[in-house]
């Protein structure tokens, strides 16, 4: 499969603490990319308010991802940095708060890279990836999986021309 010249090669998923939603999205997006033969696209995650950092995802997130066949146990939380804006082609926020914080941190020339993962959902009617503490893991995972599938189809998979 030939890729368009503007194909993003480095994607960063962003939430507040980088312990649940963004690592889940990292795992699910990685699986979608691999399934589409796009293993060369780099995926990472970060949080806007991470403390203390270098922590694994929450145990329930690891468990729920594993039930879906996705291993996120090796991931570690980290803070969003200034370098992330130059180093990544796109930053996809999980919610409005992380979007606002990331956009506020972004240098003017990189603000256009900050978007919402939820905007790529194709079946779920969402504007944000819900927090599992409020919506439950089943709903959060369904939204993440739908948005990751939609993002790959909309941004990376070349459609045949008619």
Protein backbone atom coordinates (compact mmCIF):
# COMPACT_ATOMS: atom_id res chain seq x y z
CA UNK A 1 0.00 0.00 0.00
CA UNK A 2 1.42 3.39 -0.95
CA UNK A 3 0.94 6.20 1.51
CA UNK A 4 0.10 9.83 0.80
CA UNK A 5 3.06 12.21 1.17
CA UNK A 6 1.43 13.86 4.21
CA UNK A 7 0.92 10.64 6.18
CA UNK A 8 1.54 11.26 9.88
CA UNK A 9 4.45 9.16 11.09
CA UNK A 10 4.50 10.17 14.77
CA UNK A 11 1.28 10.32 16.79
CA UNK A 12 0.97 11.36 20.44
CA UNK A 13 -2.15 10.57 22.48
CA UNK A 14 -2.77 12.95 25.38
CA UNK A 15 -4.90 12.83 28.52
CA UNK A 16 -4.52 14.34 31.96
CA UNK A 17 -2.63 11.70 33.99
CA UNK A 18 -1.43 9.28 31.28
CA UNK A 19 -2.54 6.28 33.36
CA UNK A 20 -5.84 5.19 31.74
CA UNK A 21 -7.26 6.70 28.56
CA UNK A 22 -4.13 7.71 26.64
CA UNK A 23 -2.28 4.42 27.31
CA UNK A 24 -5.45 2.50 26.33
CA UNK A 25 -5.66 4.57 23.15
CA UNK A 26 -1.94 4.01 22.51
CA UNK A 27 -2.44 0.25 22.72
CA UNK A 28 -5.58 0.20 20.57
CA UNK A 29 -4.16 2.58 17.95
CA UNK A 30 -0.95 0.51 17.76
CA UNK A 31 -3.07 -2.60 17.13
CA UNK A 32 -5.08 -0.84 14.40
CA UNK A 33 -1.92 0.44 12.72
CA UNK A 34 -0.32 -3.01 12.80
CA UNK A 35 -3.50 -4.55 11.39
CA UNK A 36 -3.43 -2.03 8.53
CA UNK A 37 0.23 -2.81 7.75
CA UNK A 38 1.38 0.53 9.15
CA UNK A 39 3.82 -0.73 11.76
CA UNK A 40 6.28 2.04 10.92
CA UNK A 41 3.97 4.75 12.32
CA UNK A 42 5.16 5.69 15.81
CA UNK A 43 2.57 5.98 18.62
CA UNK A 44 3.23 7.36 22.08
CA UNK A 45 1.19 8.86 24.92
CA UNK A 46 1.67 11.56 27.53
CA UNK A 47 -0.27 13.46 30.16
CA UNK A 48 -0.71 17.13 30.89
CA UNK A 49 -0.56 16.69 34.70
CA UNK A 50 1.50 13.59 35.47
CA UNK A 51 2.75 12.93 38.96
CA UNK A 52 5.05 11.30 39.88
CA UNK A 53 5.61 9.86 36.39
CA UNK A 54 7.10 6.60 35.14
CA UNK A 55 4.08 4.71 36.53
CA UNK A 56 2.38 1.82 34.71
CA UNK A 57 -1.21 2.23 33.55
CA UNK A 58 -3.80 1.56 36.24
CA UNK A 59 -4.30 -2.15 36.91
CA UNK A 60 -7.88 -2.15 35.65
CA UNK A 61 -6.78 -0.50 32.38
CA UNK A 62 -4.09 -3.17 31.93
CA UNK A 63 -6.66 -5.90 32.66
CA UNK A 64 -9.32 -4.52 30.31
CA UNK A 65 -6.81 -4.02 27.49
CA UNK A 66 -5.51 -7.58 27.98
CA UNK A 67 -9.09 -8.90 27.72
CA UNK A 68 -9.19 -7.26 24.28
CA UNK A 69 -5.85 -8.86 23.37
CA UNK A 70 -3.79 -5.70 23.82
CA UNK A 71 -0.75 -5.45 26.10
CA UNK A 72 -0.20 -2.05 27.71
CA UNK A 73 1.53 -3.26 30.90
CA UNK A 74 4.95 -2.12 29.60
CA UNK A 75 3.85 1.52 29.11
CA UNK A 76 4.88 4.18 31.63
CA UNK A 77 3.33 7.57 32.32
CA UNK A 78 5.14 10.70 31.31
CA UNK A 79 4.52 14.42 31.19
CA UNK A 80 3.79 16.22 27.92
CA UNK A 81 6.91 18.24 27.04
CA UNK A 82 7.69 21.19 24.80
CA UNK A 83 9.70 18.85 22.54
CA UNK A 84 6.61 16.70 21.90
CA UNK A 85 5.09 19.38 19.68
CA UNK A 86 8.04 19.42 17.30
CA UNK A 87 8.65 15.67 17.54
CA UNK A 88 5.10 14.55 16.63
CA UNK A 89 3.00 15.12 13.52
CA UNK A 90 -0.27 15.05 15.42
CA UNK A 91 -1.38 15.16 19.07
CA UNK A 92 -4.79 13.65 19.82
CA UNK A 93 -6.42 14.65 23.10
CA UNK A 94 -8.84 12.41 24.96
CA UNK A 95 -10.97 15.22 26.41
CA UNK A 96 -11.53 18.97 26.33
CA UNK A 97 -9.33 19.66 29.36
CA UNK A 98 -6.30 17.84 27.99
CA UNK A 99 -6.93 19.48 24.60
CA UNK A 100 -7.00 22.97 26.15
CA UNK A 101 -3.89 22.32 28.23
CA UNK A 102 -1.96 20.85 25.28
CA UNK A 103 -3.05 23.66 22.97
CA UNK A 104 -2.02 26.21 25.61
CA UNK A 105 1.44 24.63 25.87
CA UNK A 106 1.94 24.36 22.11
CA UNK A 107 4.14 26.88 20.33
CA UNK A 108 2.06 28.86 17.82
CA UNK A 109 3.60 27.04 14.85
CA UNK A 110 2.50 23.65 16.25
CA UNK A 111 -1.02 24.41 17.58
CA UNK A 112 -2.59 23.05 14.40
CA UNK A 113 -1.32 19.58 15.37
CA UNK A 114 -3.58 19.34 18.45
CA UNK A 115 -6.90 17.60 17.84
CA UNK A 116 -9.42 15.22 19.42
CA UNK A 117 -9.31 11.45 19.02
CA UNK A 118 -13.09 11.30 19.58
CA UNK A 119 -13.72 13.29 16.39
CA UNK A 120 -12.72 10.20 14.41
CA UNK A 121 -15.36 7.95 15.98
CA UNK A 122 -17.59 6.46 13.32
CA UNK A 123 -20.23 4.55 15.30
CA UNK A 124 -20.15 6.14 18.76
CA UNK A 125 -21.78 9.57 19.09
CA UNK A 126 -19.09 11.28 21.18
CA UNK A 127 -17.16 14.52 21.39
CA UNK A 128 -14.72 13.25 24.01
CA UNK A 129 -13.32 9.91 25.15
CA UNK A 130 -15.23 9.30 28.40
CA UNK A 131 -13.43 8.74 31.68
CA UNK A 132 -14.02 5.13 32.81
CA UNK A 133 -14.55 6.35 36.39
CA UNK A 134 -17.76 8.00 35.17
CA UNK A 135 -18.75 5.92 32.13
CA UNK A 136 -17.30 2.50 32.94
CA UNK A 137 -14.55 0.65 31.10
CA UNK A 138 -16.86 -0.99 28.58
CA UNK A 139 -18.05 2.39 27.28
CA UNK A 140 -14.57 3.94 27.36
CA UNK A 141 -13.05 1.00 25.49
CA UNK A 142 -15.82 1.02 22.87
CA UNK A 143 -15.23 4.73 22.24
CA UNK A 144 -11.44 4.34 22.08
CA UNK A 145 -11.62 1.38 19.72
CA UNK A 146 -14.12 3.10 17.43
CA UNK A 147 -12.12 6.35 17.35
CA UNK A 148 -8.82 4.53 16.69
CA UNK A 149 -10.35 2.53 13.84
CA UNK A 150 -11.85 5.71 12.39
CA UNK A 151 -8.61 7.64 12.71
CA UNK A 152 -6.62 5.01 10.83
CA UNK A 153 -9.24 4.76 8.08
CA UNK A 154 -9.66 8.53 7.76
CA UNK A 155 -6.01 9.53 7.96
CA UNK A 156 -3.77 6.66 6.95
CA UNK A 157 -5.48 4.12 4.75
CA UNK A 158 -5.36 5.10 1.11
CA UNK A 159 -8.69 4.71 -0.60
CA UNK A 160 -8.79 3.65 -4.25
CA UNK A 161 -9.51 6.49 -6.65
CA UNK A 162 -12.64 6.22 -8.77
